[in-house]
Structure formats: C-alpha cells, structure tokens
C-alpha atoms as a PDB file:
ATOM      1  CA  UNK A   1      50.354 -33.605  16.340  1.00  0.00           C
ATOM      2  CA  UNK A   2      47.379 -33.650  13.981  1.00  0.00           C
ATOM      3  CA  UNK A   3      45.516 -30.355  13.456  1.00  0.00           C
ATOM      4  CA  UNK A   4      42.938 -29.059  11.040  1.00  0.00           C
ATOM      5  CA  UNK A   5      45.791 -27.416   9.146  1.00  0.00           C
ATOM      6  CA  UNK A   6      46.766 -30.887   7.982  1.00  0.00           C
ATOM      7  CA  UNK A   7      43.330 -31.217   6.417  1.00  0.00           C
ATOM      8  CA  UNK A   8      42.608 -27.860   4.758  1.00  0.00           C
ATOM      9  CA  UNK A   9      39.528 -29.160   2.904  1.00  0.00           C
ATOM     10  CA  UNK A  10      37.589 -30.172   6.024  1.00  0.00           C
ATOM     11  CA  UNK A  11      36.360 -26.683   6.919  1.00  0.00           C
ATOM     12  CA  UNK A  12      35.487 -25.874   3.302  1.00  0.00           C
ATOM     13  CA  UNK A  13      33.541 -29.111   2.894  1.00  0.00           C
ATOM     14  CA  UNK A  14      31.573 -28.480   6.076  1.00  0.00           C
ATOM     15  CA  UNK A  15      30.792 -24.870   5.098  1.00  0.00           C
ATOM     16  CA  UNK A  16      29.765 -25.853   1.582  1.00  0.00           C
ATOM     17  CA  UNK A  17      27.519 -28.652   2.869  1.00  0.00           C
ATOM     18  CA  UNK A  18      25.958 -26.316   5.455  1.00  0.00           C
ATOM     19  CA  UNK A  19      25.154 -23.707   2.805  1.00  0.00           C
ATOM     20  CA  UNK A  20      23.714 -26.352   0.495  1.00  0.00           C
ATOM     21  CA  UNK A  21      21.404 -27.693   3.222  1.00  0.00           C
ATOM     22  CA  UNK A  22      20.346 -24.168   4.142  1.00  0.00           C
ATOM     23  CA  UNK A  23      19.339 -23.454   0.549  1.00  0.00           C
ATOM     24  CA  UNK A  24      17.373 -26.708   0.375  1.00  0.00           C
ATOM     25  CA  UNK A  25      15.591 -25.837   3.612  1.00  0.00           C
ATOM     26  CA  UNK A  26      14.529 -22.522   2.047  1.00  0.00           C
ATOM     27  CA  UNK A  27      13.084 -23.888  -1.192  1.00  0.00           C
ATOM     28  CA  UNK A  28       9.949 -25.662   0.053  1.00  0.00           C
ATOM     29  CA  UNK A  29       8.941 -22.899   2.516  1.00  0.00           C
ATOM     30  CA  UNK A  30       9.490 -20.268  -0.182  1.00  0.00           C
ATOM     31  CA  UNK A  31       7.301 -22.163  -2.643  1.00  0.00           C
ATOM     32  CA  UNK A  32       4.599 -22.510   0.006  1.00  0.00           C
ATOM     33  CA  UNK A  33       4.774 -18.883   1.118  1.00  0.00           C
ATOM     34  CA  UNK A  34       4.662 -17.686  -2.514  1.00  0.00           C
ATOM     35  CA  UNK A  35       1.544 -19.757  -3.172  1.00  0.00           C
ATOM     36  CA  UNK A  36       0.004 -18.384   0.037  1.00  0.00           C
ATOM     37  CA  UNK A  37       0.739 -14.782  -0.937  1.00  0.00           C
ATOM     38  CA  UNK A  38      -0.770 -15.309  -4.389  1.00  0.00           C
ATOM     39  CA  UNK A  39      -3.888 -16.907  -2.892  1.00  0.00           C
ATOM     40  CA  UNK A  40      -4.323 -14.043  -0.410  1.00  0.00           C
ATOM     41  CA  UNK A  41      -3.668 -11.460  -3.114  1.00  0.00           C
ATOM     42  CA  UNK A  42      -6.224 -12.728  -5.633  1.00  0.00           C
ATOM     43  CA  UNK A  43      -8.830 -13.604  -2.969  1.00  0.00           C
ATOM     44  CA  UNK A  44      -8.927 -10.000  -1.728  1.00  0.00           C
ATOM     45  CA  UNK A  45      -7.737  -8.105  -4.806  1.00  0.00           C
ATOM     46  CA  UNK A  46     -11.104  -6.457  -5.394  1.00  0.00           C
ATOM     47  CA  UNK A  47     -12.354  -6.382  -1.799  1.00  0.00           C
ATOM     48  CA  UNK A  48     -14.765  -3.519  -1.215  1.00  0.00           C
ATOM     49  CA  UNK A  49     -16.334  -3.449   2.248  1.00  0.00           C
ATOM     50  CA  UNK A  50     -17.991  -0.060   1.965  1.00  0.00           C
ATOM     51  CA  UNK A  51     -17.620   3.133   0.018  1.00  0.00           C
ATOM     52  CA  UNK A  52     -14.906   5.406   1.431  1.00  0.00           C
ATOM     53  CA  UNK A  53     -13.347   2.580   3.452  1.00  0.00           C
ATOM     54  CA  UNK A  54     -10.204   2.198   1.369  1.00  0.00           C
ATOM     55  CA  UNK A  55      -7.978   1.909   4.449  1.00  0.00           C
ATOM     56  CA  UNK A  56      -9.997  -1.062   5.728  1.00  0.00           C
ATOM     57  CA  UNK A  57      -9.932  -2.646   2.268  1.00  0.00           C
ATOM     58  CA  UNK A  58      -6.145  -2.251   2.113  1.00  0.00           C
ATOM     59  CA  UNK A  59      -5.749  -3.767   5.597  1.00  0.00           C
ATOM     60  CA  UNK A  60      -7.769  -6.839   4.630  1.00  0.00           C
ATOM     61  CA  UNK A  61      -5.765  -7.182   1.403  1.00  0.00           C
ATOM     62  CA  UNK A  62      -2.385  -6.966   3.158  1.00  0.00           C
ATOM     63  CA  UNK A  63      -3.344  -9.212   6.081  1.00  0.00           C
ATOM     64  CA  UNK A  64      -4.692 -11.873   3.708  1.00  0.00           C
ATOM     65  CA  UNK A  65      -1.327 -11.967   1.933  1.00  0.00           C
ATOM     66  CA  UNK A  66       0.625 -12.060   5.197  1.00  0.00           C
ATOM     67  CA  UNK A  67      -1.545 -14.824   6.653  1.00  0.00           C
ATOM     68  CA  UNK A  68      -1.448 -16.855   3.440  1.00  0.00           C
ATOM     69  CA  UNK A  69       2.335 -16.530   3.237  1.00  0.00           C
ATOM     70  CA  UNK A  70       2.912 -17.871   6.743  1.00  0.00           C
ATOM     71  CA  UNK A  71       0.335 -20.620   6.367  1.00  0.00           C
ATOM     72  CA  UNK A  72       1.856 -21.801   3.089  1.00  0.00           C
ATOM     73  CA  UNK A  73       5.422 -21.466   4.372  1.00  0.00           C
ATOM     74  CA  UNK A  74       4.752 -23.595   7.449  1.00  0.00           C
ATOM     75  CA  UNK A  75       2.742 -26.269   5.597  1.00  0.00           C
ATOM     76  CA  UNK A  76       5.397 -26.756   2.925  1.00  0.00           C
ATOM     77  CA  UNK A  77       8.248 -26.331   5.404  1.00  0.00           C
ATOM     78  CA  UNK A  78       6.777 -29.002   7.689  1.00  0.00           C
ATOM     79  CA  UNK A  79       7.212 -31.745   5.097  1.00  0.00           C
ATOM     80  CA  UNK A  80       9.547 -34.298   6.659  1.00  0.00           C
ATOM     81  CA  UNK A  81       9.857 -32.328   9.923  1.00  0.00           C
ATOM     82  CA  UNK A  82       9.227 -33.797  13.377  1.00  0.00           C
ATOM     83  CA  UNK A  83       6.570 -32.544  15.797  1.00  0.00           C
ATOM     84  CA  UNK A  84       9.019 -30.382  17.750  1.00  0.00           C
ATOM     85  CA  UNK A  85      10.218 -28.615  14.606  1.00  0.00           C
ATOM     86  CA  UNK A  86       6.666 -28.113  13.334  1.00  0.00           C
ATOM     87  CA  UNK A  87       5.677 -26.539  16.648  1.00  0.00           C
ATOM     88  CA  UNK A  88       8.554 -24.057  16.339  1.00  0.00           C
ATOM     89  CA  UNK A  89       7.495 -23.200  12.789  1.00  0.00           C
ATOM     90  CA  UNK A  90       3.918 -22.427  13.887  1.00  0.00           C
ATOM     91  CA  UNK A  91       5.264 -20.411  16.797  1.00  0.00           C
ATOM     92  CA  UNK A  92       7.391 -18.338  14.424  1.00  0.00           C
ATOM     93  CA  UNK A  93       4.422 -17.936  12.065  1.00  0.00           C
ATOM     94  CA  UNK A  94       2.365 -16.610  14.971  1.00  0.00           C
ATOM     95  CA  UNK A  95       5.016 -13.985  15.646  1.00  0.00           C
ATOM     96  CA  UNK A  96       5.321 -13.013  11.977  1.00  0.00           C
ATOM     97  CA  UNK A  97       1.544 -12.575  11.643  1.00  0.00           C
ATOM     98  CA  UNK A  98       1.324 -10.543  14.867  1.00  0.00           C
ATOM     99  CA  UNK A  99       4.324  -8.471  13.795  1.00  0.00           C
ATOM    100  CA  UNK A 100       2.445  -7.622  10.618  1.00  0.00           C
ATOM    101  CA  UNK A 101      -1.012  -7.218  12.111  1.00  0.00           C
ATOM    102  CA  UNK A 102      -0.555  -5.367  15.409  1.00  0.00           C
ATOM    103  CA  UNK A 103       1.607  -2.449  14.154  1.00  0.00           C
ATOM    104  CA  UNK A 104      -0.620  -2.093  11.087  1.00  0.00           C
ATOM    105  CA  UNK A 105      -3.803  -1.924  13.169  1.00  0.00           C
ATOM    106  CA  UNK A 106      -2.264   0.503  15.661  1.00  0.00           C
ATOM    107  CA  UNK A 107      -1.079   2.802  12.873  1.00  0.00           C
ATOM    108  CA  UNK A 108      -4.535   2.636  11.282  1.00  0.00           C
ATOM    109  CA  UNK A 109      -6.197   3.499  14.598  1.00  0.00           C
ATOM    110  CA  UNK A 110      -3.727   6.330  15.207  1.00  0.00           C
ATOM    111  CA  UNK A 111      -4.403   7.863  11.809  1.00  0.00           C
ATOM    112  CA  UNK A 112      -8.152   7.561  12.359  1.00  0.00           C
ATOM    113  CA  UNK A 113      -7.808   9.493  15.623  1.00  0.00           C
ATOM    114  CA  UNK A 114      -5.673  12.144  13.936  1.00  0.00           C
ATOM    115  CA  UNK A 115      -8.287  12.506  11.182  1.00  0.00           C
ATOM    116  CA  UNK A 116     -10.981  13.035  13.786  1.00  0.00           C
ATOM    117  CA  UNK A 117      -9.291  15.374  16.251  1.00  0.00           C
ATOM    118  CA  UNK A 118      -6.388  17.097  14.490  1.00  0.00           C
ATOM    119  CA  UNK A 119      -6.329  16.308  10.747  1.00  0.00           C
ATOM    120  CA  UNK A 120      -3.981  19.139   9.738  1.00  0.00           C
ATOM    121  CA  UNK A 121      -1.181  18.385  12.208  1.00  0.00           C
ATOM    122  CA  UNK A 122       1.151  16.236  10.069  1.00  0.00           C
ATOM    123  CA  UNK A 123       3.986  16.356  12.606  1.00  0.00           C
ATOM    124  CA  UNK A 124       1.744  14.799  15.259  1.00  0.00           C
ATOM    125  CA  UNK A 125       0.553  12.208  12.752  1.00  0.00           C
ATOM    126  CA  UNK A 126       4.117  11.166  11.847  1.00  0.00           C
ATOM    127  CA  UNK A 127       5.295  10.944  15.471  1.00  0.00           C
ATOM    128  CA  UNK A 128       2.211   9.027  16.602  1.00  0.00           C
ATOM    129  CA  UNK A 129       2.437   6.627  13.634  1.00  0.00           C
ATOM    130  CA  UNK A 130       6.059   5.736  14.350  1.00  0.00           C
ATOM    131  CA  UNK A 131       5.187   5.331  18.045  1.00  0.00           C
ATOM    132  CA  UNK A 132       2.322   3.002  17.061  1.00  0.00           C
ATOM    133  CA  UNK A 133       4.622   0.901  14.860  1.00  0.00           C
ATOM    134  CA  UNK A 134       7.224   0.586  17.602  1.00  0.00           C
ATOM    135  CA  UNK A 135       4.607  -0.291  20.197  1.00  0.00           C
ATOM    136  CA  UNK A 136       3.108  -2.898  17.887  1.00  0.00           C
ATOM    137  CA  UNK A 137       6.474  -4.592  17.360  1.00  0.00           C
ATOM    138  CA  UNK A 138       7.139  -4.627  21.109  1.00  0.00           C
ATOM    139  CA  UNK A 139       3.687  -6.067  21.841  1.00  0.00           C
ATOM    140  CA  UNK A 140       4.103  -8.804  19.197  1.00  0.00           C
ATOM    141  CA  UNK A 141       7.494  -9.781  20.641  1.00  0.00           C
ATOM    142  CA  UNK A 142       6.235  -9.810  24.239  1.00  0.00           C
ATOM    143  CA  UNK A 143       3.203 -11.944  23.376  1.00  0.00           C
ATOM    144  CA  UNK A 144       5.451 -14.402  21.553  1.00  0.00           C
ATOM    145  CA  UNK A 145       7.869 -14.664  24.471  1.00  0.00           C
ATOM    146  CA  UNK A 146       5.046 -14.970  27.007  1.00  0.00           C
ATOM    147  CA  UNK A 147       3.794 -18.070  25.195  1.00  0.00           C
ATOM    148  CA  UNK A 148       7.199 -19.771  25.260  1.00  0.00           C
ATOM    149  CA  UNK A 149       8.211 -22.339  27.832  1.00  0.00           C
ATOM    150  CA  UNK A 150      10.707 -21.323  30.531  1.00  0.00           C
ATOM    151  CA  UNK A 151      13.497 -23.399  28.973  1.00  0.00           C
ATOM    152  CA  UNK A 152      13.105 -21.799  25.531  1.00  0.00           C
ATOM    153  CA  UNK A 153      15.051 -18.758  24.403  1.00  0.00           C
ATOM    154  CA  UNK A 154      13.188 -15.471  24.076  1.00  0.00           C
ATOM    155  CA  UNK A 155      12.418 -14.192  20.582  1.00  0.00           C
ATOM    156  CA  UNK A 156      14.486 -11.086  19.852  1.00  0.00           C
ATOM    157  CA  UNK A 157      13.243  -8.448  17.450  1.00  0.00           C
ATOM    158  CA  UNK A 158      15.650  -7.999  14.513  1.00  0.00           C
ATOM    159  CA  UNK A 159      16.086  -5.708  11.532  1.00  0.00           C
ATOM    160  CA  UNK A 160      14.718  -8.494   9.329  1.00  0.00           C
ATOM    161  CA  UNK A 161      11.518  -8.442  11.378  1.00  0.00           C
ATOM    162  CA  UNK A 162      11.046  -4.742  10.674  1.00  0.00           C
ATOM    163  CA  UNK A 163      10.659  -5.513   6.942  1.00  0.00           C
ATOM    164  CA  UNK A 164       7.079  -6.597   7.669  1.00  0.00           C
ATOM    165  CA  UNK A 165       6.241  -3.001   8.586  1.00  0.00           C
ATOM    166  CA  UNK A 166       7.962  -1.226   5.713  1.00  0.00           C
ATOM    167  CA  UNK A 167       4.609  -0.320   4.170  1.00  0.00           C
ATOM    168  CA  UNK A 168       3.629   1.521   7.354  1.00  0.00           C
ATOM    169  CA  UNK A 169       7.038   3.202   7.474  1.00  0.00           C
ATOM    170  CA  UNK A 170       6.797   4.467   3.893  1.00  0.00           C
ATOM    171  CA  UNK A 171       3.165   5.503   4.349  1.00  0.00           C
ATOM    172  CA  UNK A 172       4.144   7.510   7.424  1.00  0.00           C
ATOM    173  CA  UNK A 173       7.063   9.171   5.647  1.00  0.00           C
ATOM    174  CA  UNK A 174       4.736   9.886   2.700  1.00  0.00           C
ATOM    175  CA  UNK A 175       2.744  12.219   4.958  1.00  0.00           C
ATOM    176  CA  UNK A 176       5.615  14.650   4.528  1.00  0.00           C
ATOM    177  CA  UNK A 177       6.497  13.449   1.015  1.00  0.00           C
ATOM    178  CA  UNK A 178       3.193  12.662  -0.790  1.00  0.00           C
ATOM    179  CA  UNK A 179       4.946  11.463  -3.967  1.00  0.00           C
ATOM    180  CA  UNK A 180       5.877   8.242  -2.165  1.00  0.00           C
ATOM    181  CA  UNK A 181       2.211   7.217  -2.362  1.00  0.00           C
ATOM    182  CA  UNK A 182       2.780   6.480  -6.032  1.00  0.00           C
ATOM    183  CA  UNK A 183       4.917   3.469  -5.063  1.00  0.00           C
ATOM    184  CA  UNK A 184       1.768   1.437  -4.297  1.00  0.00           C
ATOM    185  CA  UNK A 185       3.629  -0.893  -1.953  1.00  0.00           C
ATOM    186  CA  UNK A 186       0.528  -3.003  -1.301  1.00  0.00           C
ATOM    187  CA  UNK A 187       0.735  -4.338  -4.869  1.00  0.00           C
ATOM    188  CA  UNK A 188       4.472  -4.155  -5.548  1.00  0.00           C
ATOM    189  CA  UNK A 189       6.892  -4.642  -2.675  1.00  0.00           C
ATOM    190  CA  UNK A 190       4.788  -6.130   0.143  1.00  0.00           C
ATOM    191  CA  UNK A 191       3.900  -9.473  -1.518  1.00  0.00           C
ATOM    192  CA  UNK A 192       7.622 -10.251  -1.810  1.00  0.00           C
ATOM    193  CA  UNK A 193       8.302  -9.243   1.795  1.00  0.00           C
ATOM    194  CA  UNK A 194       5.413 -11.368   3.056  1.00  0.00           C
ATOM    195  CA  UNK A 195       6.665 -14.322   1.006  1.00  0.00           C
ATOM    196  CA  UNK A 196      10.091 -13.882   2.619  1.00  0.00           C
ATOM    197  CA  UNK A 197       8.564 -13.748   6.118  1.00  0.00           C
ATOM    198  CA  UNK A 198       6.512 -16.855   5.384  1.00  0.00           C
ATOM    199  CA  UNK A 199       9.665 -18.639   4.262  1.00  0.00           C
ATOM    200  CA  UNK A 200      11.331 -17.688   7.573  1.00  0.00           C
ATOM    201  CA  UNK A 201       8.456 -19.319   9.448  1.00  0.00           C
ATOM    202  CA  UNK A 202       8.618 -22.461   7.333  1.00  0.00           C
ATOM    203  CA  UNK A 203      12.376 -22.966   7.702  1.00  0.00           C
ATOM    204  CA  UNK A 204      12.397 -22.452  11.489  1.00  0.00           C
ATOM    205  CA  UNK A 205      14.022 -25.377  13.313  1.00  0.00           C
END
C-alpha cells in the first residue's frame, strides 16, 4: 500500500510552494498600497479647512491615506487577475474603507456631542467612544454582507480588521491617559496599518 509516508517530501514541497506563492501575491499589493498611502499622506499633510477644526483636518488626512492604500493595493494586486478576482478585491477594499471611515466618523460625532453637552464627563466619553467604534465595525460588516450575492460567504469581522481602528482606540484610552497623545499615531503607526489593509484588499482572491 502506498501512502504519503513513503514520500515524506511531498507535504514539505507543497507547503513551501504555497508559502512562496503567498509571498509573491503580497508583494505587488503592498507596493501599490504603500504608494497610495504616501500619495494620500503628502496630498493632505498640510490640510487646513478652518481654524480650530483640527479634528476635521485629521479625519481628512487619515481617510486620504486609507483610501489611497486600498486603491493602490487593488490596482497593483489586479495585475494578471481575472474579472472575478478583481471584483472580490474591490469588494474587500470597500469593506476596508468603510471599516476605517464609519467608526472614525461615529467616534468624531460622539466626541462632538460630548463636548457640547457634557464636556467634563470623561467616563461617558470613553464608553460612548468605544460603543461608536463597535457600532461602526458592525455597520461596515453588515453593509458589506448585504451587497454580497446569496451564494457568497458572509464577511466575518476579525482581529486583523480591528487594526484599522487602533487610532480611535488609543485616542479613547488617552482621555484617561493624556500622555498617549504624544504618540501621534496619525503620522507614525497609521500609515503602516493602512498600507497593510490595502495589501489585504489587493491580495484577495
């Protein structure tokens, strides 16, 4: 009787080839998403809508990087792909952009309401901000799944997806620990996270 035990190198060869292909599939989308992040970063680096509107300026800056990352990731990742694969990549990009945008806008709106009605209640601000982030992630996932065909699997929210909202998470925690504001995530960590998310969109198959 012939079994795989008689050919010990078969499994290793398959695994090695699979990993090699996976790395190759990541390279082009990562290049594209990195270019997109850089373009979004420099295009809105000095954006200044109005005096005392720093939150709006920061939102535009972050969303430009997130949008550029997904656009670049999909364009570069679509090289050599068929129409069905390209459609999946754009679908994933739509989710990634919504997963960045919706929670961010909800948190911004929540903080604006807190500033207006109860600016000194930090506990309420923290709870409402985390609730806004969670709601935003749920809404993004539901919109994505609602646009899928009946025979397609639903998009499940994962820990990797939550990386897109780490700036909101840290900003919310910083309400109780102000020193975290010195991290300046909008210019340090977030460009790398957006580039990673854009790569995920571009490698979707």
